[in-house]
Amino acid sequence: MADWSHVMLATQALVNNATSSDELAEIARAHRSLWTEIAAHPKASDELLTWLARDGDMSVRALVTMRILRRDPADSEFEESDDPSPSVPTPLKPVSHEESAETAESRFQKLQQALQEAMEEVGQ
């Protein structure tokens, strides 16, 4: 396990596409200031993105929202978790095309609401 307490080492890991989602979670725990870069990393798992969006600032939430909206829900490997910290992901069950469209619409509405709440929070 690497020592992520040094921000330069953590920053170098973020520009490396081989950095694992587990390592990204460790970096997130050590450096809140790098959450935007972590959220943009291609290996950031859905579980990690959910955690970052829930506890992050508006820029982190917006970036996670854009990443989720730009992809096909069928490509997602994991379900959202109520657990406050990244751990073991739960595999998604297969869904029909109709269920997938409903899920995407529901997810979009939830994300819109979360983004609106974040914008209101910043405006206060």
C-alpha atoms as a PDB file:
ATOM      1  CA  MET A   1       0.000   0.000   0.000  1.00  0.00           C
ATOM      2  CA  ALA A   2       1.404   3.372  -1.014  1.00  0.00           C
ATOM      3  CA  ASP A   3       1.734   6.304   1.361  1.00  0.00           C
ATOM      4  CA  TRP A   4      -0.738   8.791  -0.112  1.00  0.00           C
ATOM      5  CA  SER A   5      -0.071  11.436   2.561  1.00  0.00           C
ATOM      6  CA  HIS A   6       2.242  13.260   0.136  1.00  0.00           C
ATOM      7  CA  VAL A   7       0.095  15.269  -2.244  1.00  0.00           C
ATOM      8  CA  MET A   8       2.680  15.106  -5.061  1.00  0.00           C
ATOM      9  CA  LEU A   9       2.667  11.295  -5.013  1.00  0.00           C
ATOM     10  CA  ALA A  10      -1.127  11.296  -4.977  1.00  0.00           C
ATOM     11  CA  THR A  11      -1.257  13.790  -7.852  1.00  0.00           C
ATOM     12  CA  GLN A  12       1.121  11.663  -9.916  1.00  0.00           C
ATOM     13  CA  ALA A  13      -1.134   8.646  -9.344  1.00  0.00           C
ATOM     14  CA  LEU A  14      -4.120  10.609 -10.664  1.00  0.00           C
ATOM     15  CA  VAL A  15      -2.501  11.146 -14.062  1.00  0.00           C
ATOM     16  CA  ASN A  16      -1.753   7.429 -14.343  1.00  0.00           C
ATOM     17  CA  ASN A  17      -4.632   5.496 -15.940  1.00  0.00           C
ATOM     18  CA  ALA A  18      -3.354   2.324 -14.269  1.00  0.00           C
ATOM     19  CA  THR A  19      -4.194   3.647 -10.781  1.00  0.00           C
ATOM     20  CA  SER A  20      -6.880   1.352  -9.355  1.00  0.00           C
ATOM     21  CA  SER A  21     -10.228   2.387  -7.924  1.00  0.00           C
ATOM     22  CA  ASP A  22      -9.056   1.161  -4.495  1.00  0.00           C
ATOM     23  CA  GLU A  23      -6.020   3.438  -4.718  1.00  0.00           C
ATOM     24  CA  LEU A  24      -8.259   6.314  -5.804  1.00  0.00           C
ATOM     25  CA  ALA A  25     -10.431   5.733  -2.719  1.00  0.00           C
ATOM     26  CA  GLU A  26      -7.342   5.844  -0.492  1.00  0.00           C
ATOM     27  CA  ILE A  27      -6.232   9.091  -2.137  1.00  0.00           C
ATOM     28  CA  ALA A  28      -9.737  10.530  -1.661  1.00  0.00           C
ATOM     29  CA  ARG A  29      -9.588   9.754   2.050  1.00  0.00           C
ATOM     30  CA  ALA A  30      -6.188  11.458   2.323  1.00  0.00           C
ATOM     31  CA  HIS A  31      -6.747  14.496   0.049  1.00  0.00           C
ATOM     32  CA  ARG A  32     -10.181  16.068  -0.199  1.00  0.00           C
ATOM     33  CA  SER A  33      -8.585  18.771  -2.367  1.00  0.00           C
ATOM     34  CA  LEU A  34      -8.083  16.168  -5.136  1.00  0.00           C
ATOM     35  CA  TRP A  35     -11.682  14.969  -5.295  1.00  0.00           C
ATOM     36  CA  THR A  36     -12.427  16.670  -8.614  1.00  0.00           C
ATOM     37  CA  GLU A  37      -9.439  14.963 -10.241  1.00  0.00           C
ATOM     38  CA  ILE A  38     -10.411  11.640  -8.655  1.00  0.00           C
ATOM     39  CA  ALA A  39     -13.977  11.988  -9.964  1.00  0.00           C
ATOM     40  CA  ALA A  40     -12.558  12.551 -13.463  1.00  0.00           C
ATOM     41  CA  HIS A  41     -10.285   9.488 -13.343  1.00  0.00           C
ATOM     42  CA  PRO A  42     -11.422   6.713 -15.724  1.00  0.00           C
ATOM     43  CA  LYS A  43     -10.992   4.013 -13.058  1.00  0.00           C
ATOM     44  CA  ALA A  44     -13.166   5.738 -10.442  1.00  0.00           C
ATOM     45  CA  SER A  45     -15.826   3.149  -9.597  1.00  0.00           C
ATOM     46  CA  ASP A  46     -19.522   3.971  -9.396  1.00  0.00           C
ATOM     47  CA  GLU A  47     -19.357   3.416  -5.661  1.00  0.00           C
ATOM     48  CA  LEU A  48     -16.484   5.884  -5.271  1.00  0.00           C
ATOM     49  CA  LEU A  49     -18.243   8.419  -7.513  1.00  0.00           C
ATOM     50  CA  THR A  50     -21.406   8.117  -5.425  1.00  0.00           C
ATOM     51  CA  TRP A  51     -19.437   8.714  -2.240  1.00  0.00           C
ATOM     52  CA  LEU A  52     -17.621  11.715  -3.736  1.00  0.00           C
ATOM     53  CA  ALA A  53     -20.866  13.230  -5.035  1.00  0.00           C
ATOM     54  CA  ARG A  54     -22.605  12.813  -1.707  1.00  0.00           C
ATOM     55  CA  ASP A  55     -19.839  14.439   0.337  1.00  0.00           C
ATOM     56  CA  GLY A  56     -18.142  16.653  -2.244  1.00  0.00           C
ATOM     57  CA  ASP A  57     -18.571  20.282  -3.174  1.00  0.00           C
ATOM     58  CA  MET A  58     -20.597  21.548  -6.122  1.00  0.00           C
ATOM     59  CA  SER A  59     -17.797  21.044  -8.678  1.00  0.00           C
ATOM     60  CA  VAL A  60     -17.374  17.393  -7.637  1.00  0.00           C
ATOM     61  CA  ARG A  61     -21.132  16.812  -7.752  1.00  0.00           C
ATOM     62  CA  ALA A  62     -21.397  18.436 -11.166  1.00  0.00           C
ATOM     63  CA  LEU A  63     -18.529  16.353 -12.573  1.00  0.00           C
ATOM     64  CA  VAL A  64     -20.007  13.106 -11.238  1.00  0.00           C
ATOM     65  CA  THR A  65     -23.419  14.074 -12.609  1.00  0.00           C
ATOM     66  CA  MET A  66     -21.951  14.726 -16.062  1.00  0.00           C
ATOM     67  CA  ARG A  67     -20.095  11.400 -16.030  1.00  0.00           C
ATOM     68  CA  ILE A  68     -23.250   9.498 -15.099  1.00  0.00           C
ATOM     69  CA  LEU A  69     -25.446  11.293 -17.631  1.00  0.00           C
ATOM     70  CA  ARG A  70     -22.973  10.719 -20.483  1.00  0.00           C
ATOM     71  CA  ARG A  71     -22.914   6.949 -20.193  1.00  0.00           C
ATOM     72  CA  ASP A  72     -25.357   4.189 -20.954  1.00  0.00           C
ATOM     73  CA  PRO A  73     -26.905   2.855 -17.700  1.00  0.00           C
ATOM     74  CA  ALA A  74     -26.363  -0.670 -19.026  1.00  0.00           C
ATOM     75  CA  ASP A  75     -22.589  -0.042 -18.907  1.00  0.00           C
ATOM     76  CA  SER A  76     -22.613   0.529 -15.146  1.00  0.00           C
ATOM     77  CA  GLU A  77     -21.001  -2.232 -13.101  1.00  0.00           C
ATOM     78  CA  PHE A  78     -22.343  -1.289  -9.686  1.00  0.00           C
ATOM     79  CA  GLU A  79     -25.442  -0.140  -7.852  1.00  0.00           C
ATOM     80  CA  GLU A  80     -25.441   2.943  -5.658  1.00  0.00           C
ATOM     81  CA  SER A  81     -24.699   2.226  -2.030  1.00  0.00           C
ATOM     82  CA  ASP A  82     -25.952   3.797   1.206  1.00  0.00           C
ATOM     83  CA  ASP A  83     -22.587   2.995   2.810  1.00  0.00           C
ATOM     84  CA  PRO A  84     -20.708   6.266   3.526  1.00  0.00           C
ATOM     85  CA  SER A  85     -17.315   4.902   2.485  1.00  0.00           C
ATOM     86  CA  PRO A  86     -16.111   2.954  -0.541  1.00  0.00           C
ATOM     87  CA  SER A  87     -15.953  -0.777   0.083  1.00  0.00           C
ATOM     88  CA  VAL A  88     -16.998  -3.847  -1.887  1.00  0.00           C
ATOM     89  CA  PRO A  89     -19.319  -3.041  -4.837  1.00  0.00           C
ATOM     90  CA  THR A  90     -22.632  -4.798  -5.382  1.00  0.00           C
ATOM     91  CA  PRO A  91     -23.061  -6.159  -8.943  1.00  0.00           C
ATOM     92  CA  LEU A  92     -26.110  -4.949 -10.852  1.00  0.00           C
ATOM     93  CA  LYS A  93     -28.820  -7.383 -11.829  1.00  0.00           C
ATOM     94  CA  PRO A  94     -29.666  -7.649 -15.552  1.00  0.00           C
ATOM     95  CA  VAL A  95     -32.602  -5.444 -16.606  1.00  0.00           C
ATOM     96  CA  SER A  96     -34.805  -5.187 -19.673  1.00  0.00           C
ATOM     97  CA  HIS A  97     -34.580  -2.240 -22.066  1.00  0.00           C
ATOM     98  CA  GLU A  98     -37.805  -0.761 -20.627  1.00  0.00           C
ATOM     99  CA  GLU A  99     -36.512  -1.085 -17.054  1.00  0.00           C
ATOM    100  CA  SER A 100     -33.210   0.448 -18.127  1.00  0.00           C
ATOM    101  CA  ALA A 101     -34.970   3.480 -19.636  1.00  0.00           C
ATOM    102  CA  GLU A 102     -37.064   3.931 -16.472  1.00  0.00           C
ATOM    103  CA  THR A 103     -33.946   3.605 -14.314  1.00  0.00           C
ATOM    104  CA  ALA A 104     -32.117   6.184 -16.430  1.00  0.00           C
ATOM    105  CA  GLU A 105     -35.016   8.619 -16.113  1.00  0.00           C
ATOM    106  CA  SER A 106     -35.207   8.050 -12.353  1.00  0.00           C
ATOM    107  CA  ARG A 107     -31.438   8.501 -12.003  1.00  0.00           C
ATOM    108  CA  PHE A 108     -31.597  11.677 -14.084  1.00  0.00           C
ATOM    109  CA  GLN A 109     -34.331  13.120 -11.845  1.00  0.00           C
ATOM    110  CA  LYS A 110     -32.365  12.253  -8.695  1.00  0.00           C
ATOM    111  CA  LEU A 111     -29.235  13.835 -10.125  1.00  0.00           C
ATOM    112  CA  GLN A 112     -31.137  16.962 -11.127  1.00  0.00           C
ATOM    113  CA  GLN A 113     -32.474  17.240  -7.586  1.00  0.00           C
ATOM    114  CA  ALA A 114     -29.004  16.693  -6.063  1.00  0.00           C
ATOM    115  CA  LEU A 115     -27.505  19.297  -8.388  1.00  0.00           C
ATOM    116  CA  GLN A 116     -30.263  21.792  -7.514  1.00  0.00           C
ATOM    117  CA  GLU A 117     -29.657  21.190  -3.800  1.00  0.00           C
ATOM    118  CA  ALA A 118     -25.932  21.693  -4.302  1.00  0.00           C
ATOM    119  CA  MET A 119     -26.534  24.937  -6.165  1.00  0.00           C
ATOM    120  CA  GLU A 120     -28.846  26.166  -3.399  1.00  0.00           C
ATOM    121  CA  GLU A 121     -26.252  25.200  -0.792  1.00  0.00           C
ATOM    122  CA  VAL A 122     -23.579  27.232  -2.576  1.00  0.00           C
ATOM    123  CA  GLY A 123     -25.957  30.143  -2.963  1.00  0.00           C
ATOM    124  CA  GLN A 124     -26.544  30.353   0.808  1.00  0.00           C
END
